[in-house]
Amino acid sequence: MAAFLLWLILLVACWPLALLALLLYPLIWLLLLPFRLLGFVAEGALGLVKDLFLLPGRILRG
């Protein structure tokens, strides 16, 4: 909702820039999608390594 309100303010202030942003947003989202997926994979791999290191403590604790 906040992004939409900011876009409306930009539309009033400078409508060509607002229209350009509206057109480029899907393209930028598609370009950044592989990096987002890579972040999910890295987070999962690091979580697995963390859980492997903490497993002996969990077993000994209870």
Protein backbone atom coordinates (compact mmCIF):
# COMPACT_ATOMS: atom_id res chain seq x y z
CA MET A 1 0.00 0.00 0.00
CA ALA A 2 2.84 2.37 0.86
CA ALA A 3 4.54 1.66 -2.47
CA PHE A 4 1.33 2.52 -4.30
CA LEU A 5 0.96 5.80 -2.41
CA LEU A 6 4.56 6.70 -3.19
CA TRP A 7 3.91 5.91 -6.85
CA LEU A 8 0.85 8.19 -6.82
CA ILE A 9 2.95 11.02 -5.37
CA LEU A 10 5.54 10.41 -8.09
CA LEU A 11 2.75 10.43 -10.68
CA VAL A 12 1.64 13.86 -9.54
CA ALA A 13 5.19 15.21 -9.25
CA CYS A 14 6.68 13.79 -12.45
CA TRP A 15 4.33 11.66 -14.53
CA PRO A 16 6.85 10.54 -17.21
CA LEU A 17 9.13 9.11 -14.53
CA ALA A 18 6.16 7.40 -12.85
CA LEU A 19 5.12 5.76 -16.12
CA LEU A 20 8.69 4.66 -16.80
CA ALA A 21 8.87 3.13 -13.33
CA LEU A 22 5.56 1.37 -13.94
CA LEU A 23 6.88 -0.14 -17.17
CA LEU A 24 10.31 -1.13 -15.84
CA TYR A 25 9.16 -2.66 -12.55
CA PRO A 26 8.22 -6.10 -14.01
CA LEU A 27 11.48 -6.29 -15.96
CA ILE A 28 13.59 -5.49 -12.91
CA TRP A 29 11.60 -8.01 -10.87
CA LEU A 30 12.34 -10.71 -13.46
CA LEU A 31 16.03 -9.82 -13.53
CA LEU A 32 16.32 -10.04 -9.73
CA LEU A 33 14.36 -13.30 -9.40
CA PRO A 34 17.40 -15.63 -9.81
CA PHE A 35 19.22 -13.78 -7.02
CA ARG A 36 16.24 -14.20 -4.73
CA LEU A 37 16.15 -17.94 -5.46
CA LEU A 38 19.89 -18.15 -4.84
CA GLY A 39 19.34 -16.48 -1.47
CA PHE A 40 16.74 -19.09 -0.50
CA VAL A 41 19.12 -21.90 -1.48
CA ALA A 42 22.04 -20.39 0.43
CA GLU A 43 19.87 -19.83 3.51
CA GLY A 44 18.70 -23.45 3.42
CA ALA A 45 22.24 -24.80 3.00
CA LEU A 46 23.58 -22.68 5.87
CA GLY A 47 20.66 -23.76 8.06
CA LEU A 48 21.46 -27.40 7.33
CA VAL A 49 25.13 -26.91 8.27
CA LYS A 50 24.10 -25.10 11.48
CA ASP A 51 21.72 -27.90 12.41
CA LEU A 52 24.43 -30.51 11.79
CA PHE A 53 26.80 -28.68 14.15
CA LEU A 54 24.13 -28.31 16.84
CA LEU A 55 22.88 -31.90 16.59
CA PRO A 56 25.32 -33.40 19.17
CA GLY A 57 24.27 -30.82 21.74
CA ARG A 58 20.60 -31.59 21.18
CA ILE A 59 21.21 -35.30 21.54
CA LEU A 60 23.16 -34.85 24.79
CA ARG A 61 20.64 -32.39 26.21
CA GLY A 62 17.65 -34.54 25.95
